[in-house]
């Protein structure tokens, strides 16, 4: 049997100094002017306003339709139950 030797090489680790981060020069900065951010609570009617209002109305309509269907099914079941219990 051949014995294998593990080579233990010690490498010097270089410690990074906290101030050694690469600084970005002013050459790479954008020259675009930032848009003014309006206050959060301002209201402006846009295309998205109509989109969200239409979507909200559609969802409310569907929910009311589902509630109506559930009530119709419940009344039908009550009528069938009354007929079955009346026969027995």
C-alpha atoms as a PDB file:
ATOM      1  CA  UNK A   1       0.000   0.000   0.000  1.00  0.00           C
ATOM      2  CA  UNK A   2       1.158   3.431  -0.858  1.00  0.00           C
ATOM      3  CA  UNK A   3       0.870   6.042   1.798  1.00  0.00           C
ATOM      4  CA  UNK A   4      -0.242   9.465   0.718  1.00  0.00           C
ATOM      5  CA  UNK A   5       1.109  12.549   2.350  1.00  0.00           C
ATOM      6  CA  UNK A   6      -1.024  15.573   2.660  1.00  0.00           C
ATOM      7  CA  UNK A   7       0.803  18.664   1.699  1.00  0.00           C
ATOM      8  CA  UNK A   8       0.183  21.433   4.111  1.00  0.00           C
ATOM      9  CA  UNK A   9       0.935  24.669   2.371  1.00  0.00           C
ATOM     10  CA  UNK A  10       0.419  27.847   4.238  1.00  0.00           C
ATOM     11  CA  UNK A  11      -0.758  30.770   2.209  1.00  0.00           C
ATOM     12  CA  UNK A  12      -0.541  34.249   3.531  1.00  0.00           C
ATOM     13  CA  UNK A  13      -3.877  35.895   3.662  1.00  0.00           C
ATOM     14  CA  UNK A  14      -4.078  39.513   2.804  1.00  0.00           C
ATOM     15  CA  UNK A  15      -6.381  41.527   4.965  1.00  0.00           C
ATOM     16  CA  UNK A  16      -8.487  44.139   3.271  1.00  0.00           C
ATOM     17  CA  UNK A  17      -8.486  47.514   4.880  1.00  0.00           C
ATOM     18  CA  UNK A  18     -11.875  49.149   5.427  1.00  0.00           C
ATOM     19  CA  UNK A  19     -10.868  52.215   3.443  1.00  0.00           C
ATOM     20  CA  UNK A  20      -9.713  50.268   0.409  1.00  0.00           C
ATOM     21  CA  UNK A  21     -13.062  50.349  -1.413  1.00  0.00           C
ATOM     22  CA  UNK A  22     -12.927  51.595  -4.951  1.00  0.00           C
ATOM     23  CA  UNK A  23     -14.352  55.059  -5.224  1.00  0.00           C
ATOM     24  CA  UNK A  24     -16.397  56.018  -8.265  1.00  0.00           C
ATOM     25  CA  UNK A  25     -15.096  59.105  -9.949  1.00  0.00           C
ATOM     26  CA  UNK A  26     -17.425  61.876 -11.002  1.00  0.00           C
ATOM     27  CA  UNK A  27     -16.966  60.868 -14.651  1.00  0.00           C
ATOM     28  CA  UNK A  28     -19.397  57.959 -14.321  1.00  0.00           C
ATOM     29  CA  UNK A  29     -22.230  59.879 -12.700  1.00  0.00           C
ATOM     30  CA  UNK A  30     -25.343  60.626 -14.676  1.00  0.00           C
ATOM     31  CA  UNK A  31     -26.082  64.182 -15.696  1.00  0.00           C
ATOM     32  CA  UNK A  32     -29.843  63.637 -15.885  1.00  0.00           C
ATOM     33  CA  UNK A  33     -32.009  65.854 -13.741  1.00  0.00           C
ATOM     34  CA  UNK A  34     -34.219  63.859 -11.398  1.00  0.00           C
ATOM     35  CA  UNK A  35     -37.981  64.322 -11.635  1.00  0.00           C
ATOM     36  CA  UNK A  36     -39.705  66.159  -8.857  1.00  0.00           C
ATOM     37  CA  UNK A  37     -41.527  63.693  -6.634  1.00  0.00           C
ATOM     38  CA  UNK A  38     -45.015  64.948  -5.800  1.00  0.00           C
ATOM     39  CA  UNK A  39     -46.207  64.623  -2.201  1.00  0.00           C
ATOM     40  CA  UNK A  40     -47.640  61.208  -1.397  1.00  0.00           C
ATOM     41  CA  UNK A  41     -51.204  62.311  -0.720  1.00  0.00           C
ATOM     42  CA  UNK A  42     -51.736  64.257  -3.938  1.00  0.00           C
ATOM     43  CA  UNK A  43     -54.411  63.034  -6.344  1.00  0.00           C
ATOM     44  CA  UNK A  44     -54.046  63.293 -10.093  1.00  0.00           C
ATOM     45  CA  UNK A  45     -56.396  61.642 -12.587  1.00  0.00           C
ATOM     46  CA  UNK A  46     -54.384  59.622 -15.064  1.00  0.00           C
ATOM     47  CA  UNK A  47     -54.905  56.687 -17.395  1.00  0.00           C
ATOM     48  CA  UNK A  48     -54.030  54.352 -14.532  1.00  0.00           C
ATOM     49  CA  UNK A  49     -56.800  55.903 -12.425  1.00  0.00           C
ATOM     50  CA  UNK A  50     -59.371  54.820 -15.001  1.00  0.00           C
ATOM     51  CA  UNK A  51     -57.729  51.409 -15.302  1.00  0.00           C
ATOM     52  CA  UNK A  52     -57.877  50.720 -11.550  1.00  0.00           C
ATOM     53  CA  UNK A  53     -61.413  52.135 -11.218  1.00  0.00           C
ATOM     54  CA  UNK A  54     -62.624  49.893 -14.061  1.00  0.00           C
ATOM     55  CA  UNK A  55     -60.883  46.873 -12.570  1.00  0.00           C
ATOM     56  CA  UNK A  56     -62.391  47.599  -9.142  1.00  0.00           C
ATOM     57  CA  UNK A  57     -65.902  47.918 -10.568  1.00  0.00           C
ATOM     58  CA  UNK A  58     -65.474  44.643 -12.485  1.00  0.00           C
ATOM     59  CA  UNK A  59     -64.335  42.818  -9.351  1.00  0.00           C
ATOM     60  CA  UNK A  60     -67.204  44.226  -7.275  1.00  0.00           C
ATOM     61  CA  UNK A  61     -69.682  43.221  -9.990  1.00  0.00           C
ATOM     62  CA  UNK A  62     -68.310  39.658 -10.064  1.00  0.00           C
ATOM     63  CA  UNK A  63     -68.453  39.378  -6.270  1.00  0.00           C
ATOM     64  CA  UNK A  64     -72.080  40.553  -6.183  1.00  0.00           C
ATOM     65  CA  UNK A  65     -72.952  38.087  -8.956  1.00  0.00           C
ATOM     66  CA  UNK A  66     -71.343  35.241  -6.989  1.00  0.00           C
ATOM     67  CA  UNK A  67     -73.277  36.216  -3.852  1.00  0.00           C
ATOM     68  CA  UNK A  68     -76.516  36.243  -5.872  1.00  0.00           C
ATOM     69  CA  UNK A  69     -75.768  32.769  -7.249  1.00  0.00           C
ATOM     70  CA  UNK A  70     -75.034  31.462  -3.759  1.00  0.00           C
ATOM     71  CA  UNK A  71     -78.321  32.854  -2.451  1.00  0.00           C
ATOM     72  CA  UNK A  72     -80.214  31.311  -5.369  1.00  0.00           C
ATOM     73  CA  UNK A  73     -78.628  27.929  -4.682  1.00  0.00           C
ATOM     74  CA  UNK A  74     -79.421  28.230  -0.971  1.00  0.00           C
ATOM     75  CA  UNK A  75     -83.099  29.005  -1.646  1.00  0.00           C
ATOM     76  CA  UNK A  76     -83.352  26.101  -4.104  1.00  0.00           C
ATOM     77  CA  UNK A  77     -81.851  23.732  -1.546  1.00  0.00           C
ATOM     78  CA  UNK A  78     -84.269  24.971   1.117  1.00  0.00           C
ATOM     79  CA  UNK A  79     -87.198  24.354  -1.242  1.00  0.00           C
ATOM     80  CA  UNK A  80     -85.989  20.823  -2.025  1.00  0.00           C
ATOM     81  CA  UNK A  81     -85.489  20.150   1.680  1.00  0.00           C
ATOM     82  CA  UNK A  82     -89.010  21.371   2.452  1.00  0.00           C
ATOM     83  CA  UNK A  83     -90.459  19.101  -0.253  1.00  0.00           C
ATOM     84  CA  UNK A  84     -88.475  16.074   0.957  1.00  0.00           C
ATOM     85  CA  UNK A  85     -89.355  16.652   4.622  1.00  0.00           C
ATOM     86  CA  UNK A  86     -93.016  17.245   3.699  1.00  0.00           C
ATOM     87  CA  UNK A  87     -93.194  13.879   1.955  1.00  0.00           C
ATOM     88  CA  UNK A  88     -91.640  11.976   4.837  1.00  0.00           C
END
